[in-house]
Amino acid sequence: MTQAALTHPPAAPAPAAPAPAPRGGLVRWAADRSGWLGPIGVALFAGLLRFWNLGYPRAFVFDETYYPKDSWSLLRQGYEGTWPDHANADILSHPQSIPLSSAPEFVAHPPLGKWVMAIGEQLFGLTPFGWRFMTALLGTVTVLMLARIGRRLLGSTLLGCTAALLMSVDGLQLVMSRVGLLDGIQMFFVLASFGSLLIDRDHVRARLAAAVDGDTVRLGWRPWRIAAGVFVGAACAVKWNGAMILAAFGILTVLWDQSGRRGAGARRPWRSMLRRDAVPAFLAMVGSAFVVYVGSWSGWLATGGTGADGGGGYDRHWADGRAGLSPDSVLGVPLPQVPMSWVPAPLRSLWHYHAQMYDFNTGLSTPHTYQSNPFSWLVDGRPVSMYWEQIPDGQRGCTSSGGCAAQILGLGTPFLWWTACFALVYLLWRWFFRRDWRSGAVLCAVAGIYLPWFQYQERTIFSFYMVVLVPFLCLAVAQMLGAMLGPAGCSPERRRIGAIGAGAIVLAIVGCFAFFYPLYTAEVIPMSSWQDRMWFTSWI
């Protein structure tokens, strides 16, 4: 990405300001609050879809066999304990039995996402509704955030609400909001960080507009950029791939600073940015992210015991009696032990634990039926079946002689994702040829989320990781639909044709979502109806 393409204002004129609303009564109240009424309405619709019958199926869906139990262990012990093989059946039985052991368990992901999930378990118990509550809540709030972010980015409440509506009817986002997995939680934090950077950009531009000299002005305290660092640090504390998103957002914010100074008349905007903005940006983004990440391990750091069957986090006491900092090896390669006894033993133990996590996460290559290559993700090449049950005729409402099926399929709404592929091409054109900063911002997020997965061609990876990308795909589609409506000042006929085309696309996406809805919620449907929805053999 060229710096100019990421930072220049769009060549197209800004949308015209809306006409003043009529004064008086309910009309004035609605006009003054139009920026919130639409987003809240879309979020309520999304919440209804996400919370409806959330406790069904009463089962551990896909990797729910790990994270809800880890969350409960964090809630009770401050670290992840071990569970016997029969734990799932005990938890789902009546009366319930929770066979949690104090012996530590090795886990592959940081703890923050599980701490978030534990809030629902604290409120509603270790039940399917309890461990899915927070993912459903954050999935709903993410829709509200996207509407407001789209409104700010695209300069239109209509387009912001359109992006939010598209996400509310995306199958993958719906599924990941209704299961107790980590990726939906990470999506919330990534989008919150992106929105915070947008607010920071607007505030900084307003301050630079009043500056006398763009080279010397000091921007001072920037709480929204710190908030962006906090949120993206939280994303890292859910899953490590947040680190690449942190790098992308860090580059984006300093390029915006350079562009802002140039717009304020700076003679040497690059030098001014490097001298006055680069270090504060690093401290705000990386520094706050680091604090949040380490803080997410506070439960593990605070645990005592022996680290064996006496309690305490896994390898919590590895450094006791050792002077080294380095792990013994990484990926089987022995490493020299560096004397670092001045570093507190708990931090050296944490470093060692992270080396083991890195070994596991980069070396995981066990074949899985639903693993897929990142090249296929944007076109829904290989969705993940998270739950499957074949139901005979006469049971659970099945009236089909051929039997019925109930499935949860992590499939992005096909018409939405295929439309998003065209929208990304349009944004690339806008970014490269029109120097549209809005397109550059969305593409930067897409690059930070999607492209790093291509380096893991041998690792076992899954398409549902792309739920973090869904908000930005919806922003891309909304921006393309806005272009279809036509620029300000175009003829009414052009507007009418554009509105018909854009409306047809949105209706087709909503209809496609309704068609696949049974596969997102494990609805019992005839086997023939299930087969009608298997458009490609790679979906089976």
Protein backbone atom coordinates (compact mmCIF):
# COMPACT_ATOMS: atom_id res chain seq x y z
CA MET A 1 0.00 0.00 0.00
CA THR A 2 1.31 3.41 -0.87
CA GLN A 3 1.26 6.01 1.84
CA ALA A 4 -0.63 8.50 -0.32
CA ALA A 5 -3.35 6.02 -1.10
CA LEU A 6 -3.91 5.29 2.57
CA THR A 7 -3.97 8.89 3.71
CA HIS A 8 -5.28 11.26 1.03
CA PRO A 9 -8.90 12.34 1.28
CA PRO A 10 -11.26 10.81 -1.28
CA ALA A 11 -11.44 12.48 -4.67
CA ALA A 12 -15.25 12.36 -4.63
CA PRO A 13 -16.96 15.27 -2.92
CA ALA A 14 -18.21 14.76 0.60
CA PRO A 15 -21.92 13.95 0.97
CA ALA A 16 -24.10 17.02 1.16
CA ALA A 17 -25.25 18.02 4.61
CA PRO A 18 -28.83 16.97 5.32
CA ALA A 19 -31.50 19.62 5.25
CA PRO A 20 -32.53 20.98 8.63
CA ALA A 21 -35.21 18.88 10.25
CA PRO A 22 -38.60 20.39 10.96
CA ARG A 23 -38.70 21.95 14.39
CA GLY A 24 -41.02 20.70 17.03
CA GLY A 25 -42.29 17.58 18.75
CA LEU A 26 -41.51 14.02 17.87
CA VAL A 27 -40.19 14.85 14.39
CA ARG A 28 -37.46 17.05 15.80
CA TRP A 29 -36.59 14.49 18.48
CA ALA A 30 -36.27 11.74 15.85
CA ALA A 31 -34.22 13.95 13.53
CA ASP A 32 -31.78 14.87 16.28
CA ARG A 33 -31.31 11.21 17.16
CA SER A 34 -31.35 9.68 13.68
CA GLY A 35 -27.70 8.75 14.04
CA TRP A 36 -28.66 6.38 16.87
CA LEU A 37 -32.19 5.22 16.10
CA GLY A 38 -31.22 3.35 12.94
CA PRO A 39 -28.17 1.61 14.45
CA ILE A 40 -30.11 0.64 17.57
CA GLY A 41 -32.95 -0.76 15.45
CA VAL A 42 -30.57 -2.92 13.42
CA ALA A 43 -28.81 -4.07 16.61
CA LEU A 44 -32.13 -5.12 18.17
CA PHE A 45 -32.88 -7.18 15.08
CA ALA A 46 -29.44 -8.77 15.29
CA GLY A 47 -29.87 -9.43 19.01
CA LEU A 48 -33.16 -11.23 18.40
CA LEU A 49 -31.44 -13.56 15.93
CA ARG A 50 -28.52 -14.19 18.25
CA PHE A 51 -30.35 -14.73 21.53
CA TRP A 52 -33.36 -16.64 20.24
CA ASN A 53 -33.19 -20.19 21.66
CA LEU A 54 -29.52 -19.64 22.47
CA GLY A 55 -29.29 -22.64 24.79
CA TYR A 56 -30.08 -25.00 21.91
CA PRO A 57 -28.55 -27.39 21.10
CA ARG A 58 -27.90 -28.58 24.62
CA ALA A 59 -24.50 -29.95 23.71
CA PHE A 60 -20.84 -29.02 23.43
CA VAL A 61 -20.54 -27.65 19.90
CA PHE A 62 -17.17 -28.19 18.18
CA ASP A 63 -14.43 -26.53 20.32
CA GLU A 64 -16.91 -25.71 23.07
CA THR A 65 -15.45 -28.83 24.60
CA TYR A 66 -12.44 -26.66 25.55
CA TYR A 67 -13.22 -22.99 26.13
CA PRO A 68 -16.35 -23.07 28.34
CA LYS A 69 -14.67 -25.50 30.73
CA ASP A 70 -11.49 -23.42 30.75
CA SER A 71 -13.62 -20.35 31.48
CA TRP A 72 -15.27 -22.05 34.43
CA SER A 73 -11.87 -23.12 35.74
CA LEU A 74 -10.56 -19.55 35.47
CA LEU A 75 -13.62 -18.35 37.35
CA ARG A 76 -13.11 -20.86 40.17
CA GLN A 77 -9.32 -21.22 40.32
CA GLY A 78 -7.73 -18.39 38.35
CA TYR A 79 -6.09 -20.84 35.94
CA GLU A 80 -7.12 -23.68 33.63
CA GLY A 81 -7.47 -26.98 35.46
CA THR A 82 -7.92 -30.48 34.08
CA TRP A 83 -11.15 -32.33 33.37
CA PRO A 84 -11.82 -36.08 33.08
CA ASP A 85 -12.98 -37.63 29.81
CA HIS A 86 -16.56 -37.88 31.07
CA ALA A 87 -16.75 -34.19 32.03
CA ASN A 88 -19.01 -33.16 29.15
CA ALA A 89 -21.64 -35.75 30.01
CA ASP A 90 -21.46 -34.83 33.71
CA ILE A 91 -21.93 -31.11 32.98
CA LEU A 92 -24.97 -31.73 30.76
CA SER A 93 -26.57 -34.29 33.06
CA HIS A 94 -29.45 -33.79 35.52
CA PRO A 95 -28.46 -33.28 38.26
CA GLN A 96 -25.31 -31.58 37.07
CA SER A 97 -21.85 -32.64 38.19
CA ILE A 98 -18.78 -30.46 37.59
CA PRO A 99 -15.66 -32.65 37.93
CA LEU A 100 -13.02 -29.90 37.84
CA SER A 101 -9.55 -30.84 39.09
CA SER A 102 -6.98 -28.44 40.56
CA ALA A 103 -4.22 -30.06 38.47
CA PRO A 104 -3.09 -27.53 35.80
CA GLU A 105 -3.81 -27.97 32.10
CA PHE A 106 -1.71 -26.73 29.19
CA VAL A 107 -3.75 -24.40 26.96
CA ALA A 108 -2.89 -22.98 23.55
CA HIS A 109 -4.50 -19.53 23.76
CA PRO A 110 -4.22 -16.57 26.15
CA PRO A 111 -6.92 -16.29 28.81
CA LEU A 112 -8.83 -13.05 28.13
CA GLY A 113 -11.45 -14.53 25.80
CA LYS A 114 -12.19 -17.20 28.38
CA TRP A 115 -12.42 -14.59 31.14
CA VAL A 116 -15.01 -12.78 29.01
CA MET A 117 -16.94 -16.02 28.51
CA ALA A 118 -16.78 -16.64 32.25
CA ILE A 119 -18.98 -13.57 32.85
CA GLY A 120 -21.92 -15.39 31.30
CA GLU A 121 -21.12 -18.52 33.28
CA GLN A 122 -21.03 -16.51 36.50
CA LEU A 123 -24.50 -15.14 35.69
CA PHE A 124 -26.18 -18.27 34.30
CA GLY A 125 -24.01 -21.18 35.35
CA LEU A 126 -22.01 -23.73 33.39
CA THR A 127 -24.79 -24.28 30.86
CA PRO A 128 -24.98 -23.83 27.09
CA PHE A 129 -26.83 -20.54 27.54
CA GLY A 130 -24.29 -19.42 30.14
CA TRP A 131 -21.17 -20.06 28.07
CA ARG A 132 -22.78 -18.61 24.91
CA PHE A 133 -24.23 -15.51 26.55
CA MET A 134 -21.23 -13.21 26.18
CA THR A 135 -20.49 -14.20 22.60
CA ALA A 136 -24.13 -13.44 21.71
CA LEU A 137 -24.01 -10.13 23.58
CA LEU A 138 -20.74 -9.02 21.98
CA GLY A 139 -21.94 -10.22 18.58
CA THR A 140 -24.97 -7.96 18.98
CA VAL A 141 -22.97 -4.98 20.25
CA THR A 142 -20.60 -5.41 17.31
CA VAL A 143 -23.52 -4.83 14.94
CA LEU A 144 -24.32 -1.58 16.76
CA MET A 145 -20.67 -0.52 16.65
CA LEU A 146 -20.44 -1.27 12.94
CA ALA A 147 -23.43 0.94 12.19
CA ARG A 148 -21.82 3.86 14.01
CA ILE A 149 -18.37 3.18 12.54
CA GLY A 150 -19.81 2.92 9.02
CA ARG A 151 -21.68 6.20 9.57
CA ARG A 152 -18.43 7.93 10.57
CA LEU A 153 -16.29 6.32 7.87
CA LEU A 154 -18.71 6.64 4.95
CA GLY A 155 -20.43 9.87 6.01
CA SER A 156 -23.91 8.36 5.85
CA THR A 157 -26.24 6.89 8.46
CA LEU A 158 -27.93 4.88 5.69
CA LEU A 159 -24.68 3.25 4.59
CA GLY A 160 -23.61 2.62 8.18
CA CYS A 161 -26.91 0.89 8.92
CA THR A 162 -26.61 -1.04 5.65
CA ALA A 163 -23.22 -2.40 6.70
CA ALA A 164 -24.67 -3.37 10.09
CA LEU A 165 -27.71 -5.01 8.50
CA LEU A 166 -25.45 -7.04 6.23
CA MET A 167 -23.44 -8.26 9.21
CA SER A 168 -26.59 -9.09 11.16
CA VAL A 169 -27.58 -11.49 8.36
CA ASP A 170 -24.16 -13.02 7.84
CA GLY A 171 -24.27 -16.70 8.65
CA LEU A 172 -20.72 -17.00 9.95
CA GLN A 173 -21.10 -14.04 12.31
CA LEU A 174 -24.43 -15.44 13.52
CA VAL A 175 -22.97 -18.88 14.18
CA MET A 176 -19.91 -17.50 15.96
CA SER A 177 -22.20 -15.32 18.09
CA ARG A 178 -24.18 -18.39 19.16
CA VAL A 179 -21.34 -20.72 20.17
CA GLY A 180 -18.79 -20.53 22.96
CA LEU A 181 -15.66 -20.01 20.84
CA LEU A 182 -13.05 -17.25 21.03
CA ASP A 183 -13.11 -15.75 17.54
CA GLY A 184 -16.34 -13.80 17.96
CA ILE A 185 -14.92 -12.17 21.08
CA GLN A 186 -11.76 -11.22 19.21
CA MET A 187 -13.89 -9.71 16.42
CA PHE A 188 -15.49 -7.34 18.93
CA PHE A 189 -12.14 -6.06 20.21
CA VAL A 190 -10.66 -5.62 16.70
CA LEU A 191 -13.63 -3.59 15.49
CA ALA A 192 -13.61 -1.50 18.67
CA SER A 193 -9.94 -0.70 18.05
CA PHE A 194 -10.64 0.31 14.44
CA GLY A 195 -13.50 2.56 15.55
CA SER A 196 -11.32 4.20 18.20
CA LEU A 197 -8.70 5.02 15.57
CA LEU A 198 -11.36 6.63 13.39
CA ILE A 199 -12.51 8.85 16.26
CA ASP A 200 -8.88 9.76 17.03
CA ARG A 201 -8.32 10.66 13.39
CA ASP A 202 -11.32 13.01 13.33
CA HIS A 203 -10.28 14.70 16.58
CA VAL A 204 -6.70 15.17 15.40
CA ARG A 205 -7.80 16.59 12.03
CA ALA A 206 -9.96 19.13 13.83
CA ARG A 207 -7.02 20.21 15.98
CA LEU A 208 -4.64 20.35 13.02
CA ALA A 209 -7.12 22.46 11.07
CA ALA A 210 -6.74 25.18 13.71
CA ALA A 211 -2.92 24.93 13.80
CA VAL A 212 -0.73 27.75 12.55
CA ASP A 213 2.19 25.51 11.64
CA GLY A 214 1.68 21.83 10.85
CA ASP A 215 5.37 21.13 11.51
CA THR A 216 5.51 22.29 15.12
CA VAL A 217 2.04 21.66 16.56
CA ARG A 218 1.98 19.15 19.41
CA LEU A 219 -1.06 16.92 19.47
CA GLY A 220 -0.71 16.04 23.14
CA TRP A 221 -3.05 13.67 24.96
CA ARG A 222 -4.90 11.31 22.59
CA PRO A 223 -7.15 9.06 24.66
CA TRP A 224 -8.85 7.45 21.67
CA ARG A 225 -5.55 6.18 20.30
CA ILE A 226 -4.76 4.73 23.71
CA ALA A 227 -8.21 3.12 23.68
CA ALA A 228 -7.38 1.63 20.28
CA GLY A 229 -4.22 0.12 21.77
CA VAL A 230 -6.17 -1.25 24.71
CA PHE A 231 -8.73 -2.90 22.44
CA VAL A 232 -6.24 -4.41 20.02
CA GLY A 233 -4.17 -5.57 23.00
CA ALA A 234 -7.31 -7.31 24.24
CA ALA A 235 -7.61 -8.93 20.80
CA CYS A 236 -4.06 -10.27 21.20
CA ALA A 237 -5.00 -11.54 24.67
CA VAL A 238 -7.80 -13.57 23.08
CA LYS A 239 -5.75 -15.08 20.23
CA TRP A 240 -2.22 -14.30 19.09
CA ASN A 241 -3.12 -13.39 15.52
CA GLY A 242 -4.20 -10.05 17.00
CA ALA A 243 -0.51 -9.08 16.95
CA MET A 244 -0.54 -8.71 13.15
CA ILE A 245 -3.65 -6.56 13.39
CA LEU A 246 -1.85 -4.40 15.98
CA ALA A 247 0.99 -3.90 13.49
CA ALA A 248 -1.41 -2.97 10.68
CA PHE A 249 -3.34 -0.49 12.83
CA GLY A 250 -0.10 1.03 14.13
CA ILE A 251 1.08 1.72 10.59
CA LEU A 252 -2.32 3.13 9.69
CA THR A 253 -2.42 5.65 12.53
CA VAL A 254 1.06 7.08 11.88
CA LEU A 255 0.29 7.43 8.17
CA TRP A 256 -2.84 9.31 9.10
CA ASP A 257 -0.72 11.56 11.31
CA GLN A 258 1.66 12.30 8.45
CA SER A 259 -1.21 13.06 6.11
CA GLY A 260 -2.87 15.30 8.68
CA ARG A 261 0.29 17.34 9.16
CA ARG A 262 0.71 17.72 5.43
CA GLY A 263 -2.86 18.94 5.17
CA ALA A 264 -2.13 21.45 7.94
CA GLY A 265 0.68 22.99 5.88
CA ALA A 266 3.70 21.09 7.20
CA ARG A 267 6.72 21.57 4.95
CA ARG A 268 8.29 18.28 6.05
CA PRO A 269 5.31 16.13 7.14
CA TRP A 270 7.29 12.88 7.30
CA ARG A 271 9.95 14.35 9.54
CA SER A 272 7.37 16.08 11.70
CA MET A 273 5.44 12.86 12.10
CA LEU A 274 8.57 10.88 13.00
CA ARG A 275 9.72 13.51 15.50
CA ARG A 276 6.41 14.27 17.19
CA ASP A 277 4.00 11.41 16.56
CA ALA A 278 5.83 8.12 16.00
CA VAL A 279 7.04 7.51 19.56
CA PRO A 280 3.73 8.54 21.19
CA ALA A 281 1.93 6.30 18.71
CA PHE A 282 4.17 3.36 19.63
CA LEU A 283 3.61 3.92 23.34
CA ALA A 284 -0.13 4.38 22.90
CA MET A 285 -0.65 1.34 20.68
CA VAL A 286 2.08 -1.16 21.56
CA GLY A 287 2.59 0.02 25.15
CA SER A 288 -1.06 -0.12 26.14
CA ALA A 289 -1.53 -3.39 24.24
CA PHE A 290 1.38 -4.93 26.15
CA VAL A 291 -0.04 -3.85 29.50
CA VAL A 292 -3.44 -5.31 28.66
CA TYR A 293 -1.91 -8.55 27.41
CA VAL A 294 0.22 -9.15 30.50
CA GLY A 295 -2.66 -8.09 32.72
CA SER A 296 -4.85 -10.78 31.16
CA TRP A 297 -2.51 -13.34 32.73
CA SER A 298 -3.02 -11.95 36.24
CA GLY A 299 -4.99 -15.02 37.34
CA TRP A 300 -2.19 -17.34 36.26
CA LEU A 301 0.47 -15.10 37.81
CA ALA A 302 -1.39 -14.91 41.13
CA THR A 303 -1.84 -18.65 41.58
CA GLY A 304 0.28 -20.52 44.07
CA GLY A 305 0.68 -24.19 44.83
CA THR A 306 3.22 -26.54 43.37
CA GLY A 307 2.12 -26.44 39.75
CA ALA A 308 1.42 -30.17 39.90
CA ASP A 309 -1.62 -31.64 41.62
CA GLY A 310 -1.40 -29.04 44.38
CA GLY A 311 -2.85 -26.26 42.24
CA GLY A 312 -1.39 -23.32 40.39
CA GLY A 313 -1.22 -22.48 36.71
CA TYR A 314 0.55 -24.72 34.23
CA ASP A 315 4.35 -24.24 34.55
CA ARG A 316 3.70 -21.35 36.93
CA HIS A 317 6.79 -22.35 38.93
CA TRP A 318 9.03 -23.39 36.05
CA ALA A 319 11.60 -20.66 36.83
CA ASP A 320 11.84 -21.46 40.53
CA GLY A 321 15.45 -22.46 41.14
CA ARG A 322 16.50 -21.53 37.60
CA ALA A 323 18.58 -18.54 36.57
CA GLY A 324 17.78 -18.64 32.86
CA LEU A 325 15.19 -16.74 30.88
CA SER A 326 15.21 -18.61 27.60
CA PRO A 327 13.10 -21.72 27.10
CA ASP A 328 15.01 -24.94 26.73
CA SER A 329 14.14 -25.10 23.04
CA VAL A 330 11.84 -23.73 20.38
CA LEU A 331 10.48 -26.08 17.69
CA GLY A 332 12.94 -28.70 18.90
CA VAL A 333 15.99 -26.44 18.53
CA PRO A 334 17.97 -26.15 21.80
CA LEU A 335 18.59 -22.60 22.97
CA PRO A 336 21.36 -21.31 25.24
CA GLN A 337 20.29 -20.36 28.73
CA VAL A 338 20.81 -16.65 29.33
CA PRO A 339 21.32 -15.75 33.01
CA MET A 340 18.41 -13.45 33.83
CA SER A 341 17.85 -14.09 37.50
CA TRP A 342 17.06 -10.40 38.05
CA VAL A 343 13.78 -10.92 36.15
CA PRO A 344 11.08 -12.07 38.59
CA ALA A 345 10.58 -15.81 38.47
CA PRO A 346 6.84 -15.61 37.60
CA LEU A 347 7.64 -13.56 34.48
CA ARG A 348 10.37 -15.99 33.43
CA SER A 349 7.90 -18.85 33.90
CA LEU A 350 5.38 -16.97 31.79
CA TRP A 351 7.97 -16.51 29.04
CA HIS A 352 8.71 -20.24 29.11
CA TYR A 353 5.00 -21.03 28.92
CA HIS A 354 4.70 -18.77 25.89
CA ALA A 355 7.54 -20.61 24.16
CA GLN A 356 5.58 -23.83 24.58
CA MET A 357 2.42 -22.18 23.27
CA TYR A 358 4.36 -20.93 20.25
CA ASP A 359 5.68 -24.44 19.62
CA PHE A 360 2.15 -25.84 19.72
CA ASN A 361 0.46 -23.16 17.63
CA THR A 362 3.05 -23.09 14.86
CA GLY A 363 3.57 -26.84 14.76
CA LEU A 364 -0.07 -27.97 14.78
CA SER A 365 -0.50 -30.06 11.63
CA THR A 366 -2.82 -32.88 12.70
CA PRO A 367 -5.23 -33.45 9.78
CA HIS A 368 -8.86 -32.43 10.34
CA THR A 369 -11.89 -33.14 8.19
CA TYR A 370 -12.86 -29.46 7.98
CA GLN A 371 -9.48 -27.77 7.71
CA SER A 372 -9.06 -25.52 4.69
CA ASN A 373 -6.66 -23.27 2.84
CA PRO A 374 -6.94 -19.47 3.18
CA PHE A 375 -7.23 -19.19 -0.62
CA SER A 376 -10.74 -20.65 -0.33
CA TRP A 377 -12.00 -18.62 2.61
CA LEU A 378 -13.38 -15.53 0.84
CA VAL A 379 -15.53 -17.67 -1.48
CA ASP A 380 -16.89 -20.00 1.22
CA GLY A 381 -14.90 -22.88 -0.15
CA ARG A 382 -14.85 -25.13 2.93
CA PRO A 383 -17.15 -24.17 5.83
CA VAL A 384 -16.85 -25.95 9.17
CA SER A 385 -19.60 -28.27 10.38
CA MET A 386 -19.72 -27.57 14.11
CA TYR A 387 -22.70 -29.76 14.98
CA TRP A 388 -24.47 -32.58 13.18
CA GLU A 389 -27.31 -34.85 14.17
CA GLN A 390 -29.30 -37.24 11.98
CA ILE A 391 -32.88 -37.65 13.23
CA PRO A 392 -35.17 -40.58 12.30
CA ASP A 393 -38.73 -40.07 11.11
CA GLY A 394 -41.11 -39.60 14.02
CA GLN A 395 -38.58 -38.15 16.47
CA ARG A 396 -38.21 -34.50 17.53
CA GLY A 397 -40.85 -33.33 15.10
CA CYS A 398 -39.37 -35.03 12.04
CA THR A 399 -42.14 -36.06 9.64
CA SER A 400 -40.02 -36.96 6.61
CA SER A 401 -39.84 -40.58 5.56
CA GLY A 402 -36.22 -40.03 4.59
CA GLY A 403 -35.31 -38.73 8.02
CA CYS A 404 -34.15 -35.29 9.10
CA ALA A 405 -30.94 -33.46 9.93
CA ALA A 406 -29.90 -30.77 12.37
CA GLN A 407 -26.63 -28.98 11.64
CA ILE A 408 -24.64 -25.91 12.64
CA LEU A 409 -22.52 -24.93 9.65
CA GLY A 410 -19.99 -22.10 9.92
CA LEU A 411 -20.87 -20.75 6.48
CA GLY A 412 -20.78 -17.08 5.63
CA THR A 413 -23.95 -16.03 3.78
CA PRO A 414 -22.82 -16.94 0.24
CA PHE A 415 -24.30 -13.98 -1.65
CA LEU A 416 -22.76 -11.57 0.90
CA TRP A 417 -19.27 -13.06 0.71
CA TRP A 418 -19.30 -13.32 -3.08
CA THR A 419 -20.48 -9.72 -3.31
CA ALA A 420 -17.70 -8.75 -0.90
CA CYS A 421 -15.12 -10.17 -3.31
CA PHE A 422 -16.27 -7.67 -5.94
CA ALA A 423 -16.42 -4.93 -3.31
CA LEU A 424 -12.79 -5.53 -2.32
CA VAL A 425 -11.75 -5.18 -5.96
CA TYR A 426 -13.70 -1.91 -6.12
CA LEU A 427 -11.97 -0.66 -2.96
CA LEU A 428 -8.58 -1.54 -4.43
CA TRP A 429 -9.44 0.55 -7.48
CA ARG A 430 -10.60 3.46 -5.30
CA TRP A 431 -7.50 3.22 -3.15
CA PHE A 432 -5.01 2.96 -5.98
CA PHE A 433 -6.49 5.34 -8.55
CA ARG A 434 -8.55 7.78 -6.45
CA ARG A 435 -6.40 7.83 -3.31
CA ASP A 436 -9.47 7.19 -1.19
CA TRP A 437 -8.43 7.05 2.47
CA ARG A 438 -11.65 5.25 3.43
CA SER A 439 -10.90 2.40 1.06
CA GLY A 440 -7.32 2.31 2.31
CA ALA A 441 -8.49 2.05 5.93
CA VAL A 442 -10.75 -0.93 5.21
CA LEU A 443 -8.10 -2.63 3.07
CA CYS A 444 -5.50 -2.14 5.78
CA ALA A 445 -7.75 -3.98 8.25
CA VAL A 446 -8.42 -6.73 5.69
CA ALA A 447 -4.69 -7.14 5.08
CA GLY A 448 -3.87 -7.32 8.81
CA ILE A 449 -6.57 -9.90 9.46
CA TYR A 450 -6.49 -12.08 6.35
CA LEU A 451 -3.05 -12.08 4.72
CA PRO A 452 -1.00 -13.43 7.69
CA TRP A 453 -2.84 -16.76 7.47
CA PHE A 454 -1.22 -17.51 4.12
CA GLN A 455 2.09 -18.24 5.82
CA TYR A 456 0.52 -21.29 7.50
CA GLN A 457 0.12 -23.55 4.48
CA GLU A 458 0.96 -26.66 6.50
CA ARG A 459 -0.85 -25.77 9.72
CA THR A 460 -4.31 -27.05 10.62
CA ILE A 461 -6.50 -23.95 10.18
CA PHE A 462 -10.21 -23.30 9.63
CA SER A 463 -12.36 -20.85 7.70
CA PHE A 464 -14.29 -19.69 10.77
CA TYR A 465 -11.22 -17.66 11.78
CA MET A 466 -12.49 -15.16 9.21
CA VAL A 467 -15.35 -14.01 11.43
CA VAL A 468 -12.95 -11.23 12.50
CA LEU A 469 -12.98 -10.07 8.87
CA VAL A 470 -16.78 -9.92 8.50
CA PRO A 471 -17.26 -6.30 9.70
CA PHE A 472 -14.77 -5.04 7.14
CA LEU A 473 -16.31 -7.08 4.33
CA CYS A 474 -19.65 -5.48 5.19
CA LEU A 475 -18.07 -2.00 5.17
CA ALA A 476 -16.62 -2.75 1.74
CA VAL A 477 -19.99 -3.87 0.38
CA ALA A 478 -21.72 -0.82 1.91
CA GLN A 479 -19.18 1.51 0.29
CA MET A 480 -19.73 -0.16 -3.08
CA LEU A 481 -23.51 0.11 -2.68
CA GLY A 482 -23.09 3.79 -1.85
CA ALA A 483 -21.22 4.26 -5.13
CA MET A 484 -24.05 2.50 -6.94
CA LEU A 485 -26.48 5.09 -5.55
CA GLY A 486 -24.49 7.75 -7.36
CA PRO A 487 -22.49 10.80 -6.30
CA ALA A 488 -24.04 13.97 -4.92
CA GLY A 489 -25.67 16.02 -7.65
CA CYS A 490 -26.44 13.17 -10.02
CA SER A 491 -29.78 13.02 -11.81
CA PRO A 492 -32.90 11.54 -10.18
CA GLU A 493 -32.96 8.84 -12.86
CA ARG A 494 -29.39 7.85 -11.97
CA ARG A 495 -30.37 7.73 -8.31
CA ARG A 496 -33.43 5.61 -9.05
CA ILE A 497 -31.50 3.05 -11.10
CA GLY A 498 -28.73 2.91 -8.53
CA ALA A 499 -31.19 2.48 -5.67
CA ILE A 500 -32.93 -0.38 -7.48
CA GLY A 501 -29.62 -2.14 -8.08
CA ALA A 502 -28.34 -1.64 -4.53
CA GLY A 503 -31.68 -2.64 -3.04
CA ALA A 504 -31.78 -5.80 -5.15
CA ILE A 505 -28.35 -6.83 -3.85
CA VAL A 506 -29.36 -6.28 -0.22
CA LEU A 507 -32.63 -8.19 -0.70
CA ALA A 508 -30.78 -11.07 -2.38
CA ILE A 509 -28.36 -11.28 0.55
CA VAL A 510 -31.19 -11.23 3.10
CA GLY A 511 -33.06 -13.91 1.12
CA CYS A 512 -29.93 -16.05 0.91
CA PHE A 513 -29.50 -15.76 4.68
CA ALA A 514 -33.13 -16.81 5.26
CA PHE A 515 -32.62 -19.84 3.00
CA PHE A 516 -29.57 -21.04 4.94
CA TYR A 517 -30.88 -20.01 8.37
CA PRO A 518 -31.78 -23.61 9.38
CA LEU A 519 -28.12 -24.59 8.95
CA TYR A 520 -26.99 -21.81 11.28
CA THR A 521 -29.26 -22.77 14.19
CA ALA A 522 -29.47 -26.59 14.06
CA GLU A 523 -33.12 -26.45 13.00
CA VAL A 524 -34.58 -29.90 12.33
CA ILE A 525 -35.25 -30.08 8.57
CA PRO A 526 -35.93 -32.96 6.17
CA MET A 527 -32.83 -34.57 4.75
CA SER A 528 -33.96 -33.54 1.27
CA SER A 529 -34.06 -29.89 2.38
CA TRP A 530 -30.57 -30.23 3.83
CA GLN A 531 -29.32 -31.68 0.55
CA ASP A 532 -30.88 -28.73 -1.34
CA ARG A 533 -28.61 -26.41 0.68
CA MET A 534 -25.42 -28.33 -0.06
CA TRP A 535 -24.60 -26.30 -3.18
CA PHE A 536 -21.06 -27.67 -3.41
CA THR A 537 -19.56 -31.00 -2.43
CA SER A 538 -16.88 -29.16 -0.44
CA TRP A 539 -19.61 -28.00 1.96
CA ILE A 540 -20.38 -31.58 3.03
